[in-house]
Every structure is written in structure tokens, then in C-alpha cells.
Amino acid sequence: MAPIGVGSTLPDGQLAWFDESDQLQQVSIHSLAAGKKVILFGVPGAFTPTCSMQHVPGFVTQSEELKAKGVDEILLVSVNDPFVMKAWAKSFPDNKHVKFLADGSGTYTKALGLELDLSEKGLGVRSRRFALLADDLKVTVANIEEGGQFTISGAEEILKAL
């Protein structure tokens, strides 16, 4: 399947997350994104170096600026279980706006066409690194990285596009 791109509609899918009351919830992407401007960004794995030290911190520290430019939701997706995502979210105590969503089996990542096979590194099938900007479910920006790169999917690139 070809990866999602500009002009595509975000597919719906159920992801898990822990809400503000620390309750495990199942949430659909469409319930979070329909009628809104959202950033959906994906990373290969929780607690991995580039993801934890560069990619996620950029969205956390620039979330207020992104919101000021009209972004309603900032959604992080990773092929990890919800308990790992909960622990990872807690490692960013300054985070107020990024929702850490678990795609435990990689089903949603596959629906996006953004799987990355990292089996040779012992990680199994994960997500490519990406950042999508969508307005009422329509993708307006699709910054999808090649391999393990981190050049176009950061918060700075999305800010430039807003």
C-alpha cells in the first residue's frame, strides 16, 4: 500500500491512551480529528534516542505556538502498548498538549501505509517517522522520513507549513 499523502483522508482507527484521570481509553482518530486541524506524528518507538531527545520534545516545547497557529490536537502515535506510552508520556512532565496514543499491534500504522520493519534491530515492525497536518481529516502536509532520518518531520517543519 502506498503511504498516506497530501489530499488523502486520514483513515479511522482505534488507538489506546490514558486520559487525564489515568484511565485507559480506546479512542478513534476520527473522533479526535473530525472538524479540527490536527497534527498526527509517528515515531519508531517509545524511549528510543531520536524520538525521546528530539522528535517528541520539539512538539512538547512548541505546542503552545502550534496551538496559537490554529492546531486543535497534537497526536503522537507509536507502535507500543498503552502502558509503555503512559510511562513515556510521564517522562515529559512539561507536556500539556501532546496525546500519547498506542498502536499496540501496528494496525493503524499499517492503515497509513507507514510501517517500518526493524526486525533486524530486534524491534519488529514499527512506524516510520512522520508528521501529518490534517484539516477536517484531509491531509494538507505529509512529511514522511526515509529510513531512520529525522529531517522533515519535526515541529519546526510543521510550524513553517502553518
N, C-alpha and C. Protein backbone atom coordinates (compact mmCIF):
# COMPACT_ATOMS: atom_id res chain seq x y z
N MET A 1 0.83 -1.18 0.00
CA MET A 1 0.00 0.00 0.00
C MET A 1 0.88 1.25 0.00
N ALA A 2 0.50 2.22 -0.80
CA ALA A 2 1.24 3.48 -0.83
C ALA A 2 1.01 4.25 0.46
N PRO A 3 2.02 4.94 0.93
CA PRO A 3 1.84 5.73 2.16
C PRO A 3 0.80 6.83 1.96
N ILE A 4 0.19 7.22 3.04
CA ILE A 4 -0.75 8.34 3.02
C ILE A 4 -0.02 9.57 2.51
N GLY A 5 -0.75 10.45 1.84
CA GLY A 5 -0.13 11.64 1.29
C GLY A 5 -1.08 12.82 1.30
N VAL A 6 -0.59 13.94 0.80
CA VAL A 6 -1.40 15.16 0.72
C VAL A 6 -2.64 14.87 -0.13
N GLY A 7 -3.78 15.31 0.38
CA GLY A 7 -5.05 15.09 -0.31
C GLY A 7 -5.79 13.84 0.15
N SER A 8 -5.08 12.95 0.84
CA SER A 8 -5.71 11.74 1.38
C SER A 8 -6.56 12.09 2.59
N THR A 9 -7.49 11.21 2.89
CA THR A 9 -8.28 11.32 4.11
C THR A 9 -7.66 10.43 5.17
N LEU A 10 -7.51 10.95 6.38
CA LEU A 10 -6.99 10.12 7.47
C LEU A 10 -7.93 8.93 7.67
N PRO A 11 -7.39 7.72 7.67
CA PRO A 11 -8.25 6.58 7.94
C PRO A 11 -8.67 6.60 9.41
N ASP A 12 -9.80 6.00 9.71
CA ASP A 12 -10.19 5.89 11.11
C ASP A 12 -9.50 4.68 11.70
N GLY A 13 -9.37 4.66 12.99
CA GLY A 13 -8.76 3.54 13.68
C GLY A 13 -8.85 3.77 15.17
N GLN A 14 -8.84 2.68 15.91
CA GLN A 14 -8.91 2.74 17.37
C GLN A 14 -7.50 2.68 17.95
N LEU A 15 -7.20 3.63 18.80
CA LEU A 15 -5.92 3.66 19.49
C LEU A 15 -6.19 3.76 20.99
N ALA A 16 -5.22 3.34 21.78
CA ALA A 16 -5.38 3.36 23.23
C ALA A 16 -4.58 4.50 23.82
N TRP A 17 -5.10 5.07 24.89
CA TRP A 17 -4.36 6.11 25.61
C TRP A 17 -4.91 6.22 27.02
N PHE A 18 -4.10 6.80 27.89
CA PHE A 18 -4.52 7.06 29.25
C PHE A 18 -4.96 8.51 29.33
N ASP A 19 -6.20 8.74 29.74
CA ASP A 19 -6.74 10.09 29.80
C ASP A 19 -6.20 10.85 31.02
N GLU A 20 -6.69 12.06 31.19
CA GLU A 20 -6.23 12.93 32.28
C GLU A 20 -6.51 12.32 33.66
N SER A 21 -7.49 11.42 33.74
CA SER A 21 -7.83 10.75 35.00
C SER A 21 -7.08 9.43 35.16
N ASP A 22 -6.11 9.20 34.27
CA ASP A 22 -5.29 7.99 34.30
C ASP A 22 -6.11 6.72 34.03
N GLN A 23 -7.14 6.87 33.21
CA GLN A 23 -7.98 5.73 32.83
C GLN A 23 -7.66 5.33 31.40
N LEU A 24 -7.50 4.04 31.18
CA LEU A 24 -7.21 3.54 29.85
C LEU A 24 -8.46 3.68 28.98
N GLN A 25 -8.29 4.32 27.84
CA GLN A 25 -9.41 4.57 26.92
C GLN A 25 -9.06 4.06 25.52
N GLN A 26 -10.09 3.69 24.78
CA GLN A 26 -9.96 3.45 23.35
C GLN A 26 -10.55 4.68 22.67
N VAL A 27 -9.84 5.22 21.73
CA VAL A 27 -10.30 6.43 21.07
C VAL A 27 -10.10 6.28 19.57
N SER A 28 -11.05 6.80 18.81
CA SER A 28 -10.90 6.74 17.36
C SER A 28 -10.23 8.02 16.86
N ILE A 29 -9.42 7.87 15.86
CA ILE A 29 -8.76 9.03 15.26
C ILE A 29 -9.81 10.00 14.74
N HIS A 30 -10.86 9.50 14.13
CA HIS A 30 -11.88 10.40 13.60
C HIS A 30 -12.56 11.20 14.71
N SER A 31 -12.75 10.61 15.89
CA SER A 31 -13.37 11.36 16.99
C SER A 31 -12.45 12.50 17.46
N LEU A 32 -11.15 12.33 17.30
CA LEU A 32 -10.19 13.36 17.70
C LEU A 32 -9.94 14.40 16.61
N ALA A 33 -10.14 14.00 15.34
CA ALA A 33 -9.68 14.84 14.24
C ALA A 33 -10.79 15.43 13.36
N ALA A 34 -11.98 14.86 13.38
CA ALA A 34 -13.04 15.36 12.50
C ALA A 34 -13.40 16.80 12.87
N GLY A 35 -13.44 17.66 11.86
CA GLY A 35 -13.80 19.06 12.07
C GLY A 35 -12.71 19.88 12.74
N LYS A 36 -11.50 19.35 12.85
CA LYS A 36 -10.41 20.04 13.53
C LYS A 36 -9.16 20.06 12.67
N LYS A 37 -8.24 20.94 13.06
CA LYS A 37 -6.90 20.94 12.47
C LYS A 37 -6.01 20.16 13.45
N VAL A 38 -5.41 19.08 12.97
CA VAL A 38 -4.62 18.23 13.85
C VAL A 38 -3.25 17.93 13.24
N ILE A 39 -2.31 17.70 14.15
CA ILE A 39 -1.01 17.15 13.78
C ILE A 39 -1.03 15.71 14.26
N LEU A 40 -0.74 14.80 13.37
CA LEU A 40 -0.58 13.39 13.71
C LEU A 40 0.86 13.06 13.37
N PHE A 41 1.65 12.75 14.41
CA PHE A 41 3.03 12.40 14.12
C PHE A 41 3.36 11.05 14.72
N GLY A 42 4.23 10.34 14.03
CA GLY A 42 4.57 8.99 14.43
C GLY A 42 6.06 8.81 14.56
N VAL A 43 6.41 7.90 15.46
CA VAL A 43 7.82 7.62 15.74
C VAL A 43 8.03 6.11 15.78
N PRO A 44 9.26 5.66 15.54
CA PRO A 44 9.53 4.21 15.58
C PRO A 44 9.35 3.58 16.96
N GLY A 45 9.63 4.31 18.04
CA GLY A 45 9.45 3.66 19.32
C GLY A 45 9.64 4.56 20.52
N ALA A 46 8.86 4.26 21.55
CA ALA A 46 8.98 4.97 22.82
C ALA A 46 10.37 4.75 23.42
N PHE A 47 10.87 5.76 24.04
CA PHE A 47 12.15 5.75 24.75
C PHE A 47 13.37 5.54 23.85
N THR A 48 13.18 5.55 22.53
CA THR A 48 14.33 5.43 21.64
C THR A 48 15.01 6.80 21.55
N PRO A 49 16.31 6.84 21.26
CA PRO A 49 17.06 8.10 21.38
C PRO A 49 16.52 9.29 20.58
N THR A 50 16.38 9.16 19.28
CA THR A 50 15.94 10.31 18.48
C THR A 50 14.52 10.71 18.85
N CYS A 51 13.67 9.73 19.08
CA CYS A 51 12.27 10.01 19.43
C CYS A 51 12.19 10.77 20.75
N SER A 52 12.95 10.31 21.74
CA SER A 52 12.87 10.88 23.09
C SER A 52 13.65 12.17 23.28
N MET A 53 14.71 12.35 22.51
CA MET A 53 15.57 13.51 22.73
C MET A 53 15.34 14.64 21.72
N GLN A 54 14.68 14.32 20.57
CA GLN A 54 14.49 15.35 19.55
C GLN A 54 13.04 15.48 19.08
N HIS A 55 12.48 14.38 18.57
CA HIS A 55 11.18 14.46 17.90
C HIS A 55 10.07 14.88 18.84
N VAL A 56 9.83 14.10 19.91
CA VAL A 56 8.75 14.42 20.83
C VAL A 56 9.00 15.74 21.57
N PRO A 57 10.22 15.99 22.08
CA PRO A 57 10.44 17.27 22.78
C PRO A 57 10.11 18.49 21.92
N GLY A 58 10.36 18.42 20.62
CA GLY A 58 10.03 19.55 19.75
C GLY A 58 8.55 19.87 19.76
N PHE A 59 7.72 18.84 19.70
CA PHE A 59 6.28 19.07 19.72
C PHE A 59 5.79 19.50 21.10
N VAL A 60 6.42 18.98 22.15
CA VAL A 60 6.04 19.38 23.51
C VAL A 60 6.39 20.85 23.74
N THR A 61 7.61 21.24 23.41
CA THR A 61 8.04 22.61 23.69
C THR A 61 7.39 23.64 22.77
N GLN A 62 6.98 23.22 21.58
CA GLN A 62 6.38 24.17 20.64
C GLN A 62 4.86 24.02 20.54
N SER A 63 4.27 23.29 21.46
CA SER A 63 2.83 23.04 21.38
C SER A 63 2.01 24.32 21.51
N GLU A 64 2.43 25.23 22.35
CA GLU A 64 1.68 26.49 22.51
C GLU A 64 1.70 27.29 21.21
N GLU A 65 2.85 27.33 20.57
CA GLU A 65 2.96 28.04 19.29
C GLU A 65 2.11 27.37 18.22
N LEU A 66 2.12 26.04 18.19
CA LEU A 66 1.30 25.30 17.24
C LEU A 66 -0.19 25.58 17.48
N LYS A 67 -0.58 25.58 18.73
CA LYS A 67 -1.98 25.86 19.09
C LYS A 67 -2.35 27.29 18.68
N ALA A 68 -1.43 28.23 18.89
CA ALA A 68 -1.69 29.62 18.53
C ALA A 68 -1.89 29.79 17.03
N LYS A 69 -1.34 28.86 16.25
CA LYS A 69 -1.49 28.91 14.80
C LYS A 69 -2.68 28.08 14.32
N GLY A 70 -3.56 27.68 15.25
CA GLY A 70 -4.81 27.04 14.86
C GLY A 70 -4.87 25.53 15.00
N VAL A 71 -3.83 24.91 15.52
CA VAL A 71 -3.85 23.46 15.69
C VAL A 71 -4.70 23.11 16.91
N ASP A 72 -5.67 22.23 16.72
CA ASP A 72 -6.57 21.82 17.81
C ASP A 72 -6.02 20.65 18.61
N GLU A 73 -5.40 19.69 17.93
CA GLU A 73 -4.91 18.48 18.59
C GLU A 73 -3.51 18.14 18.07
N ILE A 74 -2.65 17.66 18.99
CA ILE A 74 -1.33 17.16 18.61
C ILE A 74 -1.30 15.71 19.08
N LEU A 75 -1.28 14.80 18.12
CA LEU A 75 -1.43 13.38 18.39
C LEU A 75 -0.16 12.63 18.02
N LEU A 76 0.41 11.96 18.99
CA LEU A 76 1.59 11.13 18.77
C LEU A 76 1.15 9.67 18.71
N VAL A 77 1.57 8.97 17.67
CA VAL A 77 1.26 7.54 17.53
C VAL A 77 2.56 6.76 17.48
N SER A 78 2.59 5.67 18.25
CA SER A 78 3.74 4.77 18.21
C SER A 78 3.26 3.34 18.37
N VAL A 79 3.96 2.42 17.70
CA VAL A 79 3.63 1.00 17.82
C VAL A 79 4.25 0.51 19.13
N ASN A 80 3.54 0.78 20.20
CA ASN A 80 3.90 0.36 21.54
C ASN A 80 2.60 0.11 22.29
N ASP A 81 2.67 -0.62 23.40
CA ASP A 81 1.45 -0.85 24.17
C ASP A 81 1.11 0.40 24.99
N PRO A 82 -0.14 0.53 25.43
CA PRO A 82 -0.55 1.75 26.12
C PRO A 82 0.18 1.99 27.44
N PHE A 83 0.65 0.94 28.10
CA PHE A 83 1.36 1.13 29.36
C PHE A 83 2.74 1.73 29.13
N VAL A 84 3.39 1.33 28.06
CA VAL A 84 4.67 1.93 27.68
C VAL A 84 4.45 3.40 27.29
N MET A 85 3.40 3.66 26.54
CA MET A 85 3.13 5.04 26.12
C MET A 85 2.80 5.92 27.33
N LYS A 86 2.11 5.36 28.32
CA LYS A 86 1.80 6.10 29.55
C LYS A 86 3.10 6.46 30.28
N ALA A 87 3.98 5.49 30.42
CA ALA A 87 5.26 5.74 31.10
C ALA A 87 6.08 6.76 30.32
N TRP A 88 6.07 6.65 28.99
CA TRP A 88 6.82 7.58 28.18
C TRP A 88 6.26 8.99 28.32
N ALA A 89 4.94 9.12 28.30
CA ALA A 89 4.30 10.43 28.46
C ALA A 89 4.73 11.07 29.79
N LYS A 90 4.82 10.27 30.83
CA LYS A 90 5.20 10.79 32.15
C LYS A 90 6.66 11.28 32.18
N SER A 91 7.46 10.85 31.20
CA SER A 91 8.85 11.31 31.14
C SER A 91 8.95 12.72 30.55
N PHE A 92 7.80 13.29 30.17
CA PHE A 92 7.73 14.67 29.66
C PHE A 92 6.81 15.48 30.58
N PRO A 93 7.28 15.83 31.79
CA PRO A 93 6.40 16.48 32.77
C PRO A 93 5.86 17.84 32.32
N ASP A 94 6.52 18.50 31.37
CA ASP A 94 6.05 19.80 30.89
C ASP A 94 4.98 19.68 29.81
N ASN A 95 4.69 18.47 29.37
CA ASN A 95 3.72 18.27 28.30
C ASN A 95 2.30 18.63 28.74
N LYS A 96 1.66 19.48 27.94
CA LYS A 96 0.27 19.84 28.23
C LYS A 96 -0.65 19.49 27.07
N HIS A 97 -0.11 19.31 25.87
CA HIS A 97 -0.97 19.20 24.69
C HIS A 97 -0.77 17.97 23.82
N VAL A 98 0.33 17.27 23.94
CA VAL A 98 0.57 16.11 23.08
C VAL A 98 -0.09 14.88 23.70
N LYS A 99 -0.98 14.23 22.92
CA LYS A 99 -1.61 12.98 23.36
C LYS A 99 -0.74 11.81 22.89
N PHE A 100 -0.36 10.94 23.80
CA PHE A 100 0.46 9.78 23.50
C PHE A 100 -0.47 8.59 23.23
N LEU A 101 -0.64 8.24 21.96
CA LEU A 101 -1.57 7.19 21.55
C LEU A 101 -0.82 5.91 21.18
N ALA A 102 -1.32 4.79 21.70
CA ALA A 102 -0.68 3.50 21.47
C ALA A 102 -1.36 2.75 20.33
N ASP A 103 -0.55 2.33 19.38
CA ASP A 103 -0.98 1.49 18.27
C ASP A 103 -0.33 0.13 18.49
N GLY A 104 -0.76 -0.56 19.54
CA GLY A 104 -0.09 -1.75 20.04
C GLY A 104 0.24 -2.81 19.01
N SER A 105 -0.65 -3.08 18.09
CA SER A 105 -0.42 -4.11 17.07
C SER A 105 0.02 -3.53 15.73
N GLY A 106 0.13 -2.22 15.66
CA GLY A 106 0.54 -1.58 14.41
C GLY A 106 -0.54 -1.51 13.36
N THR A 107 -1.78 -1.76 13.76
CA THR A 107 -2.89 -1.78 12.80
C THR A 107 -3.11 -0.42 12.15
N TYR A 108 -3.09 0.63 12.97
CA TYR A 108 -3.32 1.97 12.42
C TYR A 108 -2.14 2.41 11.55
N THR A 109 -0.95 2.10 12.00
CA THR A 109 0.25 2.43 11.23
C THR A 109 0.19 1.77 9.86
N LYS A 110 -0.28 0.53 9.83
CA LYS A 110 -0.43 -0.18 8.55
C LYS A 110 -1.49 0.49 7.68
N ALA A 111 -2.60 0.95 8.30
CA ALA A 111 -3.65 1.64 7.54
C ALA A 111 -3.12 2.93 6.90
N LEU A 112 -2.12 3.55 7.55
CA LEU A 112 -1.49 4.75 6.99
C LEU A 112 -0.46 4.40 5.91
N GLY A 113 -0.08 3.12 5.83
CA GLY A 113 0.95 2.70 4.88
C GLY A 113 2.34 3.11 5.32
N LEU A 114 2.54 3.23 6.63
CA LEU A 114 3.80 3.77 7.15
C LEU A 114 4.57 2.79 8.04
N GLU A 115 4.42 1.49 7.77
CA GLU A 115 5.17 0.51 8.56
C GLU A 115 6.66 0.57 8.21
N LEU A 116 7.45 0.20 9.21
CA LEU A 116 8.90 0.13 9.04
C LEU A 116 9.36 -1.14 9.73
N ASP A 117 9.95 -2.06 8.97
CA ASP A 117 10.39 -3.33 9.53
C ASP A 117 11.77 -3.17 10.15
N LEU A 118 11.78 -3.18 11.48
CA LEU A 118 13.04 -3.06 12.22
C LEU A 118 13.40 -4.37 12.92
N SER A 119 12.95 -5.47 12.32
CA SER A 119 13.19 -6.79 12.91
C SER A 119 14.68 -7.08 13.08
N GLU A 120 15.49 -6.63 12.13
CA GLU A 120 16.93 -6.90 12.21
C GLU A 120 17.56 -6.20 13.42
N LYS A 121 16.86 -5.19 13.96
CA LYS A 121 17.35 -4.50 15.15
C LYS A 121 16.64 -4.98 16.42
N GLY A 122 15.81 -6.03 16.27
CA GLY A 122 15.10 -6.59 17.41
C GLY A 122 13.86 -5.81 17.83
N LEU A 123 13.38 -4.92 16.96
CA LEU A 123 12.23 -4.09 17.31
C LEU A 123 10.93 -4.51 16.63
N GLY A 124 11.01 -5.45 15.69
CA GLY A 124 9.81 -5.87 14.98
C GLY A 124 9.34 -4.81 14.00
N VAL A 125 8.07 -4.87 13.64
CA VAL A 125 7.50 -3.90 12.70
C VAL A 125 7.01 -2.69 13.49
N ARG A 126 7.53 -1.55 13.14
CA ARG A 126 7.21 -0.29 13.82
C ARG A 126 6.67 0.71 12.82
N SER A 127 6.72 1.98 13.18
CA SER A 127 6.26 3.06 12.32
C SER A 127 7.45 3.82 11.76
N ARG A 128 7.30 4.26 10.52
CA ARG A 128 8.24 5.23 10.00
C ARG A 128 8.06 6.52 10.78
N ARG A 129 9.06 7.35 10.78
CA ARG A 129 8.95 8.65 11.43
C ARG A 129 8.22 9.57 10.45
N PHE A 130 7.19 10.26 10.95
CA PHE A 130 6.40 11.11 10.07
C PHE A 130 5.69 12.20 10.87
N ALA A 131 5.23 13.21 10.15
CA ALA A 131 4.34 14.23 10.70
C ALA A 131 3.34 14.60 9.62
N LEU A 132 2.07 14.49 9.97
CA LEU A 132 0.98 14.85 9.07
C LEU A 132 0.23 16.03 9.67
N LEU A 133 -0.19 16.95 8.83
CA LEU A 133 -1.10 18.01 9.22
C LEU A 133 -2.39 17.73 8.47
N ALA A 134 -3.49 17.68 9.20
CA ALA A 134 -4.78 17.40 8.57
C ALA A 134 -5.80 18.42 9.02
N ASP A 135 -6.65 18.81 8.09
CA ASP A 135 -7.72 19.75 8.37
C ASP A 135 -9.03 19.03 8.05
N ASP A 136 -9.84 18.79 9.07
CA ASP A 136 -11.09 18.02 8.94
C ASP A 136 -10.85 16.71 8.19
N LEU A 137 -9.85 15.99 8.64
CA LEU A 137 -9.46 14.65 8.17
C LEU A 137 -8.69 14.63 6.84
N LYS A 138 -8.59 15.77 6.15
CA LYS A 138 -7.86 15.82 4.89
C LYS A 138 -6.41 16.21 5.15
N VAL A 139 -5.48 15.40 4.65
CA VAL A 139 -4.06 15.65 4.85
C VAL A 139 -3.62 16.82 3.97
N THR A 140 -3.06 17.86 4.61
CA THR A 140 -2.56 19.02 3.88
C THR A 140 -1.04 19.05 3.82
N VAL A 141 -0.38 18.39 4.77
CA VAL A 141 1.07 18.26 4.79
C VAL A 141 1.39 16.82 5.18
N ALA A 142 2.30 16.19 4.43
CA ALA A 142 2.71 14.81 4.74
C ALA A 142 4.24 14.76 4.70
N ASN A 143 4.85 14.91 5.85
CA ASN A 143 6.31 14.87 5.96
C ASN A 143 6.71 13.49 6.47
N ILE A 144 7.12 12.64 5.56
CA ILE A 144 7.42 11.24 5.87
C ILE A 144 8.91 11.01 5.64
N GLU A 145 9.57 10.54 6.69
CA GLU A 145 11.02 10.33 6.64
C GLU A 145 11.37 9.02 5.94
N GLU A 146 12.57 9.00 5.40
CA GLU A 146 13.14 7.78 4.84
C GLU A 146 14.03 7.15 5.89
N GLY A 147 13.98 5.84 5.99
CA GLY A 147 14.86 5.12 6.92
C GLY A 147 14.78 5.68 8.32
N GLY A 148 15.92 5.89 8.95
CA GLY A 148 15.96 6.39 10.31
C GLY A 148 16.19 7.89 10.40
N GLN A 149 15.97 8.60 9.32
CA GLN A 149 16.26 10.03 9.30
C GLN A 149 15.30 10.83 10.17
N PHE A 150 15.75 12.02 10.55
CA PHE A 150 14.91 12.99 11.24
C PHE A 150 15.25 14.36 10.67
N THR A 151 14.63 14.67 9.51
CA THR A 151 14.95 15.92 8.83
C THR A 151 13.72 16.76 8.51
N ILE A 152 12.55 16.13 8.29
CA ILE A 152 11.37 16.88 7.83
C ILE A 152 10.13 16.68 8.70
N SER A 153 10.21 15.87 9.74
CA SER A 153 9.00 15.53 10.50
C SER A 153 8.92 16.19 11.87
N GLY A 154 9.77 17.15 12.13
CA GLY A 154 9.76 17.82 13.43
C GLY A 154 8.74 18.95 13.50
N ALA A 155 8.57 19.46 14.70
CA ALA A 155 7.62 20.55 14.95
C ALA A 155 7.97 21.79 14.14
N GLU A 156 9.26 22.08 13.96
CA GLU A 156 9.69 23.26 13.18
C GLU A 156 9.15 23.22 11.76
N GLU A 157 9.18 22.04 11.14
CA GLU A 157 8.71 21.92 9.75
C GLU A 157 7.19 22.12 9.67
N ILE A 158 6.47 21.64 10.68
CA ILE A 158 5.02 21.84 10.70
C ILE A 158 4.70 23.32 10.94
N LEU A 159 5.45 23.96 11.83
CA LEU A 159 5.24 25.40 12.06
C LEU A 159 5.43 26.19 10.78
N LYS A 160 6.44 25.83 10.00
CA LYS A 160 6.68 26.53 8.72
C LYS A 160 5.50 26.38 7.78
N ALA A 161 4.82 25.24 7.86
CA ALA A 161 3.71 24.96 6.94
C ALA A 161 2.40 25.63 7.36
N LEU A 162 2.33 26.09 8.60
CA LEU A 162 1.08 26.69 9.10
C LEU A 162 0.93 28.14 8.70
